[in-house]
Amino acid sequence: MEHRALSRLAAPAVAALLALTTACTGGTVHGRPGASGLRDPYFPKAGNGGYQVEHYELDLDYDPGDGLLHGTAVITSRAEQGLSSFNLDLSGLKVEGVTVQGAGARYNRTGNELTVRPAEDLEKGEVFVTEVDYSGRPKALTDADGAKEGWITTEDGAVGVGEPVGSMTWFPGNHHPSDKATYDITITVPKGYEAVSNGELRARTTQADGRTAFAWHSPEPMASYLATAVVGKYRVATGRTPSGVALYDAVAPGEAAASAGDLARVPEMVEWGAGRFGPYPFSTAGAIVLPAGTLAYALETQTRPVFSGAPGSEDLVLHELAHQWFGNSVSPKSWKDMWLNEGFATYAEWLWAEDHGGVSAQKRFEAFLAGDTEVDEGADSDWDAFPPAAPPGPEHISGNPVYFRGAMVLHRIRQEVGDEKFFALVRGWAAEHRHGNASTADFTAYAERQTGHDLKKVWDVWLYGKDSPR
């Protein structure tokens, strides 16, 4: 079983990087520990302070037969302060060794925190490389709302999904959406298995023992909760959209027939989204269809959404594709900003229907106010139970108000400013924060500045109001 050792950091390119950063330090550095959490309103221990990750290089070796994962994570980061130590988020799994800047580093584990102490302090602004060698049988986590995430076994393999913090079950990192990075993920699996991840498939290499290594490259920044690794006996189909975006679908054989119609519309949906929201933000698109029942939800994993069984509706496919603009390219600064993901993706469903001969967004908005389930089955849900910008707790960040009332906030803006200004706002928002992060405060300020309208009543009643707006 091949798997990279820590000695790989002696490579000439890395040695040159170490020489450069050493030259820049200019002597003794007096650092302090980085924070073991970013004090997110709902997940205060998620992520870590003192540094920002620039790139993850993950080398994963997984055998579905015994469920054992061997991993090497090479993490390139930039110090935002002088660091005597820093933390990585990692749940379970045995750490077998850590280096920083090519030198052995001390480390210890406390819960989901891996604390690393470099041989020498790191200087503010220094680019540093951390390598973690680890192994074990990764497991799933249970969210506050009862859903499963993390590393989940399937009938013939496994899937890694991460919203909100499950990615720490299969690789160490700075697991908060505010720290986005580029990725290279190589997954080695037994003969006859496919391994699928985000971005572009750069290489598929058969090794001497018959195992296959799949090398995936994500050149655009990605929040770690959007990373995925899928292993199984999938059927793969490739193609391109009319504008040239590469497509890669991986479908569990038992779901192929039921998925065909919905997946056939992906090229059209990508083109439609580009027309409504601005250029598609990534170089690839597609879908992963897991065996039915693997998950209780679909997830907008970057460039390649994951569906648990056949999607079953074009609305669901459109929703996850819309996230590529809203949530993936423009990512939340904190988990309190989830309505910027889900409200936009839900409203995209309404717009798709409106543009394709279905119910207009105005009629759907009115149906929610009236509780008319004939127009939308969600209309009699608890969509007005709390303000979308202030969910009561972590178990509510994927609640109905975040989706439906979030969409209604957008429609209220449209009613106030008119279609021309509204759609200019939507496109401008996607362009302004392309491949970045944004908060609710960023959006409200941008909306008023872009449209020239005072939208305080919309914010007070629909976005932040504790009472039902009905």
Protein backbone atom coordinates (compact mmCIF):
# COMPACT_ATOMS: atom_id res chain seq x y z
CA MET A 1 0.00 0.00 0.00
CA GLU A 2 1.78 3.12 -1.21
CA HIS A 3 1.55 6.30 0.78
CA ARG A 4 3.77 9.34 1.06
CA ALA A 5 6.22 9.66 3.89
CA LEU A 6 7.21 12.83 5.72
CA SER A 7 10.58 12.86 3.98
CA ARG A 8 8.96 14.14 0.77
CA LEU A 9 9.47 17.71 2.03
CA ALA A 10 13.12 17.40 1.07
CA ALA A 11 12.10 17.98 -2.54
CA PRO A 12 14.02 20.80 -4.23
CA ALA A 13 10.99 23.05 -4.69
CA VAL A 14 10.13 22.92 -1.01
CA ALA A 15 13.77 23.37 -0.03
CA ALA A 16 13.81 26.58 -2.07
CA LEU A 17 10.65 27.78 -0.32
CA LEU A 18 12.21 27.06 3.09
CA ALA A 19 15.37 28.98 2.13
CA LEU A 20 13.26 31.96 1.06
CA THR A 21 11.16 32.04 4.23
CA THR A 22 14.25 31.58 6.43
CA ALA A 23 15.92 34.50 4.73
CA CYS A 24 12.84 36.63 5.40
CA THR A 25 12.69 35.98 9.13
CA GLY A 26 15.82 37.96 9.90
CA GLY A 27 16.55 36.40 13.29
CA THR A 28 14.69 35.44 16.42
CA VAL A 29 10.92 35.47 16.26
CA HIS A 30 8.76 35.83 19.34
CA GLY A 31 5.41 34.26 18.54
CA ARG A 32 2.32 33.41 20.51
CA PRO A 33 -0.20 30.57 20.21
CA GLY A 34 -2.85 30.84 17.53
CA ALA A 35 -6.46 30.65 18.73
CA SER A 36 -8.09 27.22 18.88
CA GLY A 37 -11.32 28.44 17.31
CA LEU A 38 -12.74 31.45 15.49
CA ARG A 39 -15.66 32.09 17.85
CA ASP A 40 -18.24 31.47 15.17
CA PRO A 41 -21.69 32.31 16.62
CA TYR A 42 -22.82 28.69 16.26
CA PHE A 43 -19.60 26.68 16.08
CA PRO A 44 -17.11 28.60 18.25
CA LYS A 45 -14.42 25.91 18.10
CA ALA A 46 -14.56 25.58 14.31
CA GLY A 47 -11.52 26.90 12.49
CA ASN A 48 -8.40 28.33 14.08
CA GLY A 49 -6.78 31.73 14.49
CA GLY A 50 -3.36 33.08 13.59
CA TYR A 51 -3.03 31.85 10.02
CA GLN A 52 -4.84 31.43 6.71
CA VAL A 53 -4.47 28.33 4.55
CA GLU A 54 -3.49 28.95 0.93
CA HIS A 55 -3.39 25.37 -0.40
CA TYR A 56 -4.19 21.82 0.67
CA GLU A 57 -2.47 18.86 -0.94
CA LEU A 58 -4.21 15.71 0.27
CA ASP A 59 -2.96 12.22 -0.55
CA LEU A 60 -5.58 9.68 0.52
CA ASP A 61 -5.37 5.90 0.30
CA TYR A 62 -8.65 4.13 1.03
CA ASP A 63 -9.64 0.47 0.98
CA PRO A 64 -13.40 -0.11 1.15
CA GLY A 65 -12.72 -3.68 2.21
CA ASP A 66 -11.41 -2.77 5.65
CA GLY A 67 -12.47 0.88 5.86
CA LEU A 68 -8.90 2.02 6.57
CA LEU A 69 -7.81 5.47 5.41
CA HIS A 70 -4.14 6.47 5.16
CA GLY A 71 -3.63 10.18 4.57
CA THR A 72 -0.94 12.77 4.15
CA ALA A 73 -1.97 16.41 4.26
CA VAL A 74 0.50 19.04 3.07
CA ILE A 75 -0.91 22.40 4.08
CA THR A 76 0.58 25.68 2.85
CA SER A 77 -0.43 28.63 5.03
CA ARG A 78 0.43 32.24 5.75
CA ALA A 79 0.94 33.37 9.34
CA GLU A 80 -1.23 36.34 10.31
CA GLN A 81 0.73 36.83 13.52
CA GLY A 82 3.94 35.53 15.04
CA LEU A 83 3.16 31.91 15.96
CA SER A 84 4.72 29.74 18.64
CA SER A 85 1.97 27.16 18.03
CA PHE A 86 -1.16 26.75 15.96
CA ASN A 87 -4.11 24.38 15.75
CA LEU A 88 -5.67 22.18 13.10
CA ASP A 89 -9.15 20.67 13.35
CA LEU A 90 -9.10 16.86 13.20
CA SER A 91 -11.67 14.41 14.54
CA GLY A 92 -10.56 10.86 15.36
CA LEU A 93 -7.78 9.31 13.25
CA LYS A 94 -4.27 8.67 14.53
CA VAL A 95 -1.60 11.28 13.85
CA GLU A 96 1.66 9.52 12.97
CA GLY A 97 3.90 12.54 12.50
CA VAL A 98 3.99 16.28 11.85
CA THR A 99 6.59 18.55 10.27
CA VAL A 100 6.61 22.34 9.85
CA GLN A 101 8.99 23.85 7.33
CA GLY A 102 10.61 20.42 6.93
CA ALA A 103 11.51 20.04 10.60
CA GLY A 104 9.85 17.69 13.07
CA ALA A 105 7.23 19.45 15.18
CA ARG A 106 5.78 18.58 18.56
CA TYR A 107 2.04 18.06 18.68
CA ASN A 108 -0.74 16.98 21.01
CA ARG A 109 -4.45 16.16 20.72
CA THR A 110 -7.34 17.55 22.78
CA GLY A 111 -10.74 16.60 21.47
CA ASN A 112 -10.93 17.73 17.85
CA GLU A 113 -7.92 20.06 18.20
CA LEU A 114 -4.47 19.10 16.94
CA THR A 115 -2.01 21.60 18.45
CA VAL A 116 1.28 21.91 16.55
CA ARG A 117 4.45 23.48 17.97
CA PRO A 118 7.03 24.23 15.25
CA ALA A 119 10.72 23.77 16.02
CA GLU A 120 11.09 27.55 15.50
CA ASP A 121 8.50 30.30 15.88
CA LEU A 122 6.85 31.50 12.71
CA GLU A 123 6.99 35.17 11.77
CA LYS A 124 3.97 37.24 10.82
CA GLY A 125 3.54 37.07 7.04
CA GLU A 126 5.65 33.93 6.70
CA VAL A 127 4.45 31.26 4.29
CA PHE A 128 4.89 27.92 5.99
CA VAL A 129 4.29 24.29 5.06
CA THR A 130 2.82 21.80 7.52
CA GLU A 131 2.73 18.09 6.77
CA VAL A 132 0.57 15.71 8.76
CA ASP A 133 0.72 11.94 8.31
CA TYR A 134 -2.35 10.16 9.69
CA SER A 135 -4.46 7.01 9.45
CA GLY A 136 -7.48 5.24 10.87
CA ARG A 137 -11.09 4.43 10.18
CA PRO A 138 -12.86 7.78 9.81
CA LYS A 139 -16.37 8.10 11.14
CA ALA A 140 -19.46 10.20 10.71
CA LEU A 141 -20.54 13.03 13.00
CA THR A 142 -24.09 13.87 14.02
CA ASP A 143 -25.11 17.49 13.48
CA ALA A 144 -27.10 19.56 15.95
CA ASP A 145 -30.16 18.94 13.76
CA GLY A 146 -29.62 15.17 13.79
CA ALA A 147 -28.19 14.81 10.27
CA LYS A 148 -25.05 12.77 9.57
CA GLU A 149 -21.92 14.24 7.98
CA GLY A 150 -18.23 13.46 7.75
CA TRP A 151 -16.98 10.14 6.38
CA ILE A 152 -19.94 7.88 5.61
CA THR A 153 -19.71 4.37 4.22
CA THR A 154 -21.83 3.29 1.27
CA GLU A 155 -22.75 -0.15 -0.06
CA ASP A 156 -19.45 -0.37 -1.96
CA GLY A 157 -17.29 2.51 -0.73
CA ALA A 158 -17.57 5.79 1.11
CA VAL A 159 -18.30 9.50 0.78
CA GLY A 160 -16.74 12.43 2.62
CA VAL A 161 -19.10 15.39 3.09
CA GLY A 162 -18.52 18.32 5.38
CA GLU A 163 -21.30 20.80 6.11
CA PRO A 164 -20.78 22.32 8.59
CA VAL A 165 -17.71 20.67 10.23
CA GLY A 166 -17.57 17.09 8.94
CA SER A 167 -14.48 17.53 6.77
CA MET A 168 -12.33 17.29 9.89
CA THR A 169 -13.20 13.57 10.03
CA TRP A 170 -11.05 12.85 6.97
CA PHE A 171 -8.38 15.55 6.81
CA PRO A 172 -6.78 18.05 9.18
CA GLY A 173 -7.33 21.71 8.40
CA ASN A 174 -8.71 25.11 9.26
CA HIS A 175 -12.32 24.02 9.03
CA HIS A 176 -14.33 27.23 8.89
CA PRO A 177 -15.87 28.75 5.73
CA SER A 178 -13.98 32.02 6.23
CA ASP A 179 -10.70 30.27 5.35
CA LYS A 180 -10.83 29.23 1.70
CA ALA A 181 -7.95 27.61 -0.16
CA THR A 182 -7.09 25.80 -3.38
CA TYR A 183 -6.89 22.00 -3.34
CA ASP A 184 -5.13 19.03 -4.88
CA ILE A 185 -6.73 15.76 -3.75
CA THR A 186 -5.30 12.41 -4.83
CA ILE A 187 -7.29 9.31 -3.89
CA THR A 188 -5.83 5.82 -4.34
CA VAL A 189 -8.30 2.92 -4.41
CA PRO A 190 -8.36 -0.78 -5.28
CA LYS A 191 -8.73 -1.96 -8.86
CA GLY A 192 -12.25 -1.57 -10.21
CA TYR A 193 -13.18 1.42 -8.03
CA GLU A 194 -13.71 5.04 -9.02
CA ALA A 195 -12.57 7.93 -6.82
CA VAL A 196 -14.22 11.31 -7.37
CA SER A 197 -13.52 14.71 -5.86
CA ASN A 198 -13.83 18.40 -6.69
CA GLY A 199 -12.50 20.23 -9.73
CA GLU A 200 -10.60 18.75 -12.66
CA LEU A 201 -9.37 15.16 -12.98
CA ARG A 202 -5.71 15.77 -13.81
CA ALA A 203 -4.55 12.14 -13.89
CA ARG A 204 -5.73 8.58 -13.48
CA THR A 205 -2.73 6.34 -12.84
CA THR A 206 -2.65 2.57 -12.51
CA GLN A 207 0.01 1.44 -10.07
CA ALA A 208 2.12 -1.71 -10.16
CA ASP A 209 -0.17 -3.47 -7.67
CA GLY A 210 -3.23 -2.70 -9.81
CA ARG A 211 -4.54 0.05 -7.55
CA THR A 212 -5.59 3.33 -9.19
CA ALA A 213 -4.70 6.87 -8.13
CA PHE A 214 -7.12 9.64 -9.13
CA ALA A 215 -5.57 13.14 -8.97
CA TRP A 216 -8.10 16.00 -8.68
CA HIS A 217 -7.23 19.69 -8.88
CA SER A 218 -9.35 22.63 -7.67
CA PRO A 219 -7.71 25.87 -8.85
CA GLU A 220 -10.40 28.16 -7.40
CA PRO A 221 -10.62 28.77 -3.63
CA MET A 222 -12.90 26.40 -1.73
CA ALA A 223 -14.24 26.32 1.82
CA SER A 224 -13.36 22.99 3.41
CA TYR A 225 -17.00 22.04 4.04
CA LEU A 226 -17.45 21.94 0.26
CA ALA A 227 -14.67 19.40 -0.32
CA THR A 228 -15.66 15.83 -1.10
CA ALA A 229 -14.07 12.44 -1.66
CA VAL A 230 -16.22 9.64 -3.05
CA VAL A 231 -15.13 6.02 -3.55
CA GLY A 232 -17.24 3.33 -5.17
CA LYS A 233 -18.12 1.52 -8.39
CA TYR A 234 -19.66 4.46 -10.20
CA ARG A 235 -20.58 5.01 -13.83
CA VAL A 236 -18.77 8.06 -15.17
CA ALA A 237 -19.93 10.35 -17.97
CA THR A 238 -18.15 13.43 -19.30
CA GLY A 239 -19.06 16.27 -21.63
CA ARG A 240 -19.21 20.04 -21.96
CA THR A 241 -21.81 22.75 -21.72
CA PRO A 242 -22.50 24.83 -24.84
CA SER A 243 -20.12 27.51 -23.50
CA GLY A 244 -17.34 24.99 -22.85
CA VAL A 245 -17.57 24.21 -19.12
CA ALA A 246 -16.28 20.66 -18.57
CA LEU A 247 -18.82 18.20 -17.13
CA TYR A 248 -18.10 15.11 -15.04
CA ASP A 249 -20.90 12.97 -13.59
CA ALA A 250 -20.42 9.91 -11.38
CA VAL A 251 -23.57 7.88 -10.77
CA ALA A 252 -24.18 4.76 -8.70
CA PRO A 253 -25.26 2.07 -11.19
CA GLY A 254 -28.57 1.47 -9.44
CA GLU A 255 -29.48 5.16 -9.78
CA ALA A 256 -28.46 5.67 -13.41
CA ALA A 257 -31.84 5.27 -15.08
CA ALA A 258 -33.74 7.38 -12.55
CA SER A 259 -31.10 10.14 -12.65
CA ALA A 260 -30.71 10.46 -16.40
CA GLY A 261 -33.48 12.99 -17.04
CA ASP A 262 -32.52 15.38 -14.24
CA LEU A 263 -28.78 15.26 -15.01
CA ALA A 264 -29.45 15.85 -18.70
CA ARG A 265 -30.57 19.38 -17.80
CA VAL A 266 -27.34 20.32 -16.01
CA PRO A 267 -25.72 21.92 -19.11
CA GLU A 268 -28.85 24.03 -19.69
CA MET A 269 -28.97 25.03 -16.03
CA VAL A 270 -25.32 26.10 -15.98
CA GLU A 271 -25.91 28.26 -19.06
CA TRP A 272 -29.09 29.73 -17.59
CA GLY A 273 -27.31 30.54 -14.33
CA ALA A 274 -24.55 32.32 -16.23
CA GLY A 275 -27.20 34.47 -17.88
CA ARG A 276 -28.96 35.31 -14.62
CA PHE A 277 -26.07 35.50 -12.14
CA GLY A 278 -22.97 36.14 -14.22
CA PRO A 279 -20.26 33.82 -15.55
CA TYR A 280 -20.15 30.33 -14.06
CA PRO A 281 -17.44 30.67 -11.39
CA PHE A 282 -15.58 27.37 -11.91
CA SER A 283 -13.91 25.44 -14.72
CA THR A 284 -15.93 22.26 -14.17
CA ALA A 285 -19.46 21.18 -13.25
CA GLY A 286 -21.40 17.96 -12.86
CA ALA A 287 -22.91 15.73 -10.21
CA ILE A 288 -22.31 12.73 -7.96
CA VAL A 289 -25.28 10.44 -7.36
CA LEU A 290 -24.77 8.15 -4.36
CA PRO A 291 -26.71 4.97 -3.66
CA ALA A 292 -30.16 5.91 -2.37
CA GLY A 293 -30.35 6.33 1.38
CA THR A 294 -26.67 7.14 1.92
CA LEU A 295 -27.50 10.65 3.15
CA ALA A 296 -30.68 12.40 4.22
CA TYR A 297 -29.91 15.42 2.04
CA ALA A 298 -28.20 16.72 -1.09
CA LEU A 299 -25.12 18.92 -0.76
CA GLU A 300 -23.60 21.60 -2.98
CA THR A 301 -20.04 20.24 -2.89
CA GLN A 302 -17.97 22.56 -5.06
CA THR A 303 -18.22 21.96 -8.83
CA ARG A 304 -19.89 18.57 -8.28
CA PRO A 305 -22.99 18.46 -6.01
CA VAL A 306 -23.73 15.22 -4.17
CA PHE A 307 -27.21 13.66 -4.34
CA SER A 308 -28.33 10.73 -2.20
CA GLY A 309 -30.03 8.63 -4.84
CA ALA A 310 -31.60 10.06 -7.99
CA PRO A 311 -32.38 13.78 -7.47
CA GLY A 312 -36.05 13.28 -8.26
CA SER A 313 -36.70 16.85 -9.35
CA GLU A 314 -35.10 19.49 -11.49
CA ASP A 315 -35.68 22.00 -8.68
CA LEU A 316 -33.24 20.13 -6.44
CA VAL A 317 -30.59 19.96 -9.17
CA LEU A 318 -31.06 23.66 -9.93
CA HIS A 319 -30.83 24.52 -6.22
CA GLU A 320 -27.47 22.79 -5.78
CA LEU A 321 -26.09 24.26 -9.01
CA ALA A 322 -27.18 27.77 -7.94
CA HIS A 323 -25.02 27.30 -4.86
CA GLN A 324 -21.97 27.30 -7.09
CA TRP A 325 -22.49 31.06 -7.32
CA PHE A 326 -24.11 31.60 -3.91
CA GLY A 327 -22.37 29.70 -1.14
CA ASN A 328 -19.43 28.25 -3.06
CA SER A 329 -17.99 31.21 -4.97
CA VAL A 330 -19.49 33.78 -2.58
CA SER A 331 -19.09 31.94 0.74
CA PRO A 332 -20.42 32.97 4.15
CA LYS A 333 -18.11 34.69 6.63
CA SER A 334 -19.80 32.78 9.45
CA TRP A 335 -22.46 30.12 9.82
CA LYS A 336 -24.88 32.84 10.85
CA ASP A 337 -24.85 34.01 7.22
CA MET A 338 -26.33 30.79 5.83
CA TRP A 339 -29.37 32.54 4.39
CA LEU A 340 -27.01 34.09 1.83
CA ASN A 341 -26.46 30.53 0.61
CA GLU A 342 -29.89 29.00 0.96
CA GLY A 343 -32.10 32.03 0.38
CA PHE A 344 -30.35 32.74 -2.93
CA ALA A 345 -30.43 29.09 -4.04
CA THR A 346 -34.14 28.83 -3.18
CA TYR A 347 -34.92 32.04 -5.03
CA ALA A 348 -32.97 30.65 -7.99
CA GLU A 349 -35.51 27.79 -8.06
CA TRP A 350 -38.30 30.37 -8.24
CA LEU A 351 -36.56 32.23 -11.05
CA TRP A 352 -35.92 29.04 -13.02
CA ALA A 353 -39.62 28.18 -12.85
CA GLU A 354 -40.56 31.73 -13.80
CA ASP A 355 -38.26 31.64 -16.83
CA HIS A 356 -39.46 28.20 -17.96
CA GLY A 357 -43.22 28.59 -18.03
CA GLY A 358 -43.87 27.74 -14.40
CA VAL A 359 -45.22 29.67 -11.44
CA SER A 360 -43.90 33.22 -11.19
CA ALA A 361 -41.83 34.29 -8.18
CA GLN A 362 -44.58 36.78 -7.30
CA LYS A 363 -47.25 34.06 -7.18
CA ARG A 364 -44.98 31.85 -5.11
CA PHE A 365 -44.33 34.73 -2.69
CA GLU A 366 -48.09 35.27 -2.37
CA ALA A 367 -48.63 31.54 -1.85
CA PHE A 368 -46.31 31.55 1.17
CA LEU A 369 -48.16 34.49 2.66
CA ALA A 370 -51.47 32.65 2.14
CA GLY A 371 -50.22 29.16 3.07
CA ASP A 372 -51.24 27.88 -0.37
CA THR A 373 -49.60 24.45 -0.72
CA GLU A 374 -51.04 23.93 -4.19
CA VAL A 375 -48.55 26.47 -5.47
CA ASP A 376 -45.64 25.44 -3.19
CA GLU A 377 -45.73 22.58 -0.68
CA GLY A 378 -43.44 24.56 1.63
CA ALA A 379 -46.05 27.29 2.06
CA ASP A 380 -47.53 25.73 5.19
CA SER A 381 -44.15 25.10 6.84
CA ASP A 382 -42.72 27.12 9.70
CA TRP A 383 -41.00 29.44 7.20
CA ASP A 384 -41.69 32.50 9.39
CA ALA A 385 -40.63 30.93 12.71
CA PHE A 386 -37.49 33.07 13.07
CA PRO A 387 -35.58 35.72 11.13
CA PRO A 388 -33.32 34.18 8.47
CA ALA A 389 -30.35 36.32 9.50
CA ALA A 390 -30.59 35.20 13.14
CA PRO A 391 -31.32 31.47 13.54
CA PRO A 392 -31.87 30.64 17.24
CA GLY A 393 -29.09 28.02 17.34
CA PRO A 394 -26.87 25.69 15.31
CA GLU A 395 -29.70 23.21 14.83
CA HIS A 396 -31.62 25.92 12.94
CA ILE A 397 -29.03 27.07 10.36
CA SER A 398 -30.69 24.81 7.76
CA GLY A 399 -34.23 25.51 8.96
CA ASN A 400 -37.12 26.48 6.69
CA PRO A 401 -36.90 30.23 7.43
CA VAL A 402 -33.29 30.27 6.19
CA TYR A 403 -34.45 28.88 2.84
CA PHE A 404 -37.97 30.19 2.26
CA ARG A 405 -38.02 33.44 4.21
CA GLY A 406 -34.51 34.08 2.88
CA ALA A 407 -35.90 33.80 -0.65
CA MET A 408 -38.76 36.10 0.30
CA VAL A 409 -36.27 38.74 1.48
CA LEU A 410 -34.84 38.75 -2.03
CA HIS A 411 -38.29 39.02 -3.57
CA ARG A 412 -39.13 41.94 -1.30
CA ILE A 413 -36.01 43.71 -2.56
CA ARG A 414 -37.16 43.01 -6.11
CA GLN A 415 -40.57 44.48 -5.32
CA GLU A 416 -38.99 47.61 -3.87
CA VAL A 417 -36.39 48.34 -6.58
CA GLY A 418 -37.84 46.76 -9.75
CA ASP A 419 -36.46 44.05 -12.00
CA GLU A 420 -33.72 46.03 -13.71
CA LYS A 421 -32.02 47.10 -10.50
CA PHE A 422 -32.69 43.79 -8.76
CA PHE A 423 -31.02 41.61 -11.38
CA ALA A 424 -28.14 44.08 -11.63
CA LEU A 425 -27.81 43.70 -7.86
CA VAL A 426 -27.74 39.89 -8.03
CA ARG A 427 -25.10 39.84 -10.77
CA GLY A 428 -23.08 42.55 -9.08
CA TRP A 429 -23.12 40.70 -5.75
CA ALA A 430 -21.82 37.52 -7.37
CA ALA A 431 -19.08 39.50 -9.15
CA GLU A 432 -18.11 41.71 -6.18
CA HIS A 433 -17.39 38.75 -3.89
CA ARG A 434 -16.38 36.14 -6.49
CA HIS A 435 -14.25 33.45 -4.79
CA GLY A 436 -14.42 35.35 -1.50
CA ASN A 437 -16.50 35.60 1.66
CA ALA A 438 -19.33 37.90 2.65
CA SER A 439 -21.59 38.57 5.61
CA THR A 440 -25.19 39.68 5.93
CA ALA A 441 -23.96 43.19 6.80
CA ASP A 442 -21.90 43.19 3.60
CA PHE A 443 -25.01 42.29 1.61
CA THR A 444 -27.37 44.84 3.12
CA ALA A 445 -24.82 47.62 2.63
CA TYR A 446 -24.14 46.50 -0.95
CA ALA A 447 -27.84 46.24 -1.81
CA GLU A 448 -28.57 49.80 -0.71
CA ARG A 449 -25.46 51.18 -2.37
CA GLN A 450 -26.08 49.31 -5.65
CA THR A 451 -29.79 50.10 -5.96
CA GLY A 452 -29.81 53.55 -4.38
CA HIS A 453 -32.83 52.54 -2.25
CA ASP A 454 -33.35 52.72 1.49
CA LEU A 455 -34.25 49.10 2.32
CA LYS A 456 -34.38 49.44 6.09
CA LYS A 457 -38.00 48.26 6.30
CA VAL A 458 -37.14 45.11 4.36
CA TRP A 459 -34.28 44.35 6.73
CA ASP A 460 -36.26 45.19 9.87
CA VAL A 461 -39.36 43.17 8.97
CA TRP A 462 -38.15 40.32 6.74
CA LEU A 463 -34.47 39.77 7.48
CA TYR A 464 -34.14 40.52 11.19
CA GLY A 465 -37.73 40.82 12.44
CA LYS A 466 -38.64 38.34 15.18
CA ASP A 467 -42.36 38.56 14.42
CA SER A 468 -43.96 36.89 11.44
CA PRO A 469 -44.10 39.27 8.45
CA ARG A 470 -47.52 37.91 7.46
